[in-house]
Protein backbone atom coordinates (compact mmCIF):
# COMPACT_ATOMS: atom_id res chain seq x y z
CA MET A 1 0.00 0.00 0.00
CA ALA A 2 1.29 3.48 -0.79
CA VAL A 3 1.10 6.26 1.76
CA ASN A 4 2.54 9.75 1.24
CA ASN A 5 4.67 8.63 -1.72
CA PHE A 6 6.42 5.84 0.15
CA THR A 7 5.54 2.22 0.54
CA VAL A 8 4.51 0.86 3.90
CA ILE A 9 4.36 -2.87 4.43
CA GLY A 10 2.47 -3.79 7.56
CA LEU A 11 2.58 -0.31 9.05
CA TYR A 12 1.33 -1.63 12.38
CA SER A 13 4.03 -4.26 12.74
CA GLY A 14 6.87 -1.91 13.67
CA THR A 15 8.47 -0.90 16.94
CA MET A 16 5.27 0.19 18.73
CA SER A 17 3.48 -3.04 17.97
CA ASP A 18 6.59 -5.00 18.95
CA SER A 19 6.54 -3.29 22.36
CA ILE A 20 2.84 -4.00 22.80
CA SER A 21 3.35 -7.59 21.68
CA ARG A 22 6.09 -8.01 24.32
CA LEU A 23 3.78 -6.47 26.92
CA HIS A 24 1.00 -8.84 25.77
CA GLU A 25 3.33 -11.84 26.24
CA ALA A 26 4.31 -10.61 29.72
CA VAL A 27 0.66 -10.17 30.71
CA LEU A 28 -0.15 -13.65 29.38
CA ALA A 29 2.69 -15.04 31.50
CA ALA A 30 1.44 -13.15 34.56
CA ARG A 31 -1.80 -15.14 34.53
CA ALA A 32 0.12 -17.93 36.26
CA ALA A 33 1.86 -15.61 38.73
CA ASP A 34 1.04 -15.26 42.41
CA PRO A 35 -1.56 -12.46 42.80
CA SER A 36 0.01 -11.41 46.10
CA ALA A 37 3.28 -10.73 44.30
CA SER A 38 2.03 -9.54 40.90
CA ARG A 39 -0.23 -6.56 40.30
CA THR A 40 -0.95 -7.89 36.82
CA ALA A 41 -1.98 -11.32 38.14
CA ARG A 42 -4.21 -9.63 40.72
CA LEU A 43 -5.84 -7.48 38.05
CA LEU A 44 -6.35 -10.51 35.78
CA GLN A 45 -8.12 -12.33 38.60
CA SER A 46 -10.53 -9.45 39.09
CA SER A 47 -13.67 -9.01 37.02
CA ARG A 48 -13.65 -7.63 33.51
CA ALA A 49 -15.73 -4.76 34.88
CA LYS A 50 -12.86 -3.84 37.22
CA MET A 51 -10.37 -4.08 34.34
CA ALA A 52 -12.60 -1.88 32.17
CA LYS A 53 -12.96 0.63 35.01
CA LYS A 54 -9.16 0.84 35.39
CA LEU A 55 -8.83 1.39 31.64
CA ALA A 56 -11.44 4.15 31.74
CA GLU A 57 -9.75 5.80 34.74
CA GLU A 58 -6.43 5.91 32.90
CA ALA A 59 -8.09 7.33 29.78
CA VAL A 60 -9.66 10.10 31.86
CA GLU A 61 -6.29 10.88 33.45
CA VAL A 62 -4.71 11.20 29.98
CA VAL A 63 -7.49 13.57 28.93
CA ILE A 64 -7.21 15.72 32.06
CA ASP A 65 -3.42 15.98 31.79
CA ALA A 66 -3.67 16.83 28.09
CA MET A 67 -6.24 19.54 28.80
CA HIS A 68 -3.90 21.08 31.38
CA GLY A 69 -0.92 20.91 29.01
CA HIS A 70 1.06 18.48 31.17
CA SER A 71 2.93 16.62 28.42
CA ASP A 72 5.12 14.56 30.78
CA ALA A 73 2.05 13.38 32.68
CA VAL A 74 0.30 12.53 29.39
CA VAL A 75 3.26 10.28 28.53
CA ARG A 76 3.15 8.50 31.90
CA GLU A 77 -0.63 8.11 31.92
CA SER A 78 -0.61 6.93 28.31
CA ALA A 79 1.78 4.14 29.29
CA ASP A 80 -0.65 3.18 32.08
CA LEU A 81 -3.52 3.33 29.59
CA ILE A 82 -1.75 1.00 27.16
CA TYR A 83 -0.87 -1.41 29.98
CA ASN A 84 -4.49 -1.59 31.15
CA LEU A 85 -5.70 -1.98 27.55
CA VAL A 86 -3.40 -4.97 27.07
CA VAL A 87 -4.60 -6.51 30.35
CA LEU A 88 -8.18 -6.18 29.13
CA TRP A 89 -7.18 -7.68 25.75
CA VAL A 90 -5.76 -10.73 27.54
CA ALA A 91 -8.92 -11.13 29.61
CA ALA A 92 -11.04 -10.83 26.45
CA GLY A 93 -8.86 -13.21 24.43
CA VAL A 94 -7.74 -10.50 21.99
CA ASP A 95 -4.36 -10.83 20.31
CA PRO A 96 -2.57 -7.60 19.33
CA LYS A 97 -2.06 -9.05 15.83
CA ASP A 98 -5.83 -8.92 15.37
CA VAL A 99 -5.85 -5.23 16.31
CA TRP A 100 -3.01 -4.49 13.87
CA ALA A 101 -4.87 -6.38 11.13
CA GLU A 102 -7.95 -4.22 11.79
CA MET A 103 -5.80 -1.07 11.66
CA ASP A 104 -4.35 -2.20 8.32
CA ARG A 105 -7.86 -2.97 7.01
CA ARG A 106 -9.09 0.48 8.02
CA GLU A 107 -6.09 2.15 6.45
CA GLU A 108 -6.81 0.44 3.15
CA LEU A 109 -10.44 1.62 3.29
CA MET A 110 -10.14 5.07 4.80
CA GLY A 111 -6.53 6.20 5.00
CA ILE A 112 -4.09 6.21 7.88
CA ALA A 113 -5.58 9.05 9.90
CA GLU A 114 -9.22 8.17 9.49
CA LYS A 115 -11.56 6.35 11.82
CA MET A 116 -14.32 4.23 10.38
CA PRO A 117 -17.47 6.34 9.93
CA LYS A 118 -20.43 5.75 12.21
CA LEU A 119 -23.35 5.48 9.87
CA HIS A 120 -26.93 5.85 11.04
CA LYS A 121 -27.94 2.83 9.00
CA MET A 122 -26.34 -0.54 9.56
CA THR A 123 -24.01 -1.46 6.70
CA THR A 124 -21.38 -4.10 6.10
CA LEU A 125 -18.78 -1.58 7.33
CA THR A 126 -20.32 -1.06 10.75
CA PRO A 127 -21.57 -3.71 13.15
CA PRO A 128 -24.81 -3.11 15.05
CA ARG A 129 -24.46 -0.89 18.12
CA ARG A 130 -23.85 -2.69 21.36
CA LYS A 131 -26.03 -2.17 24.38
CA VAL A 132 -24.44 0.04 27.04
CA VAL A 133 -24.22 -1.73 30.38
CA ALA A 134 -23.19 -0.51 33.81
CA LEU A 135 -19.70 -1.51 34.90
CA GLU A 136 -20.70 -1.95 38.52
CA VAL A 137 -24.01 -2.27 40.22
CA ASN A 138 -24.15 -0.62 43.60
CA ARG A 139 -27.67 -1.07 44.92
CA ALA A 140 -26.88 -0.33 48.55
CA ARG A 141 -27.96 3.21 49.38
CA LYS A 142 -26.16 5.30 51.92
CA ARG A 143 -28.27 6.06 54.97
CA ARG A 144 -28.00 9.42 56.61
């Protein structure tokens, strides 16, 4: 595929994806680790809702730091975000190679900087919308 007058073969199989693949392998290995000694093992033994909540928390921290112009903090929080994303991938049985393949597919359809459009009508390009569910159910009310 040609992008900006140069040829890119497997754009998403470079250094970044290698780092994420190594992280993925480390998280896979941590499944067998002692949860009292491994934060990753402890997180993997929690619910997917807890993993998703941690991912969302890190994403919010990246956004807040970016809004305040704290570039160094954005870098640190982005690393945390990627770590928590990979943990969630492992729990969901997602391989990074599948994500890179989807990125390549999208690039072929839309270009490198484009996200797939969200169409109002269901097409072959967009799956049906998923139902939004609560991450945690807290039915106990505080008494005053």
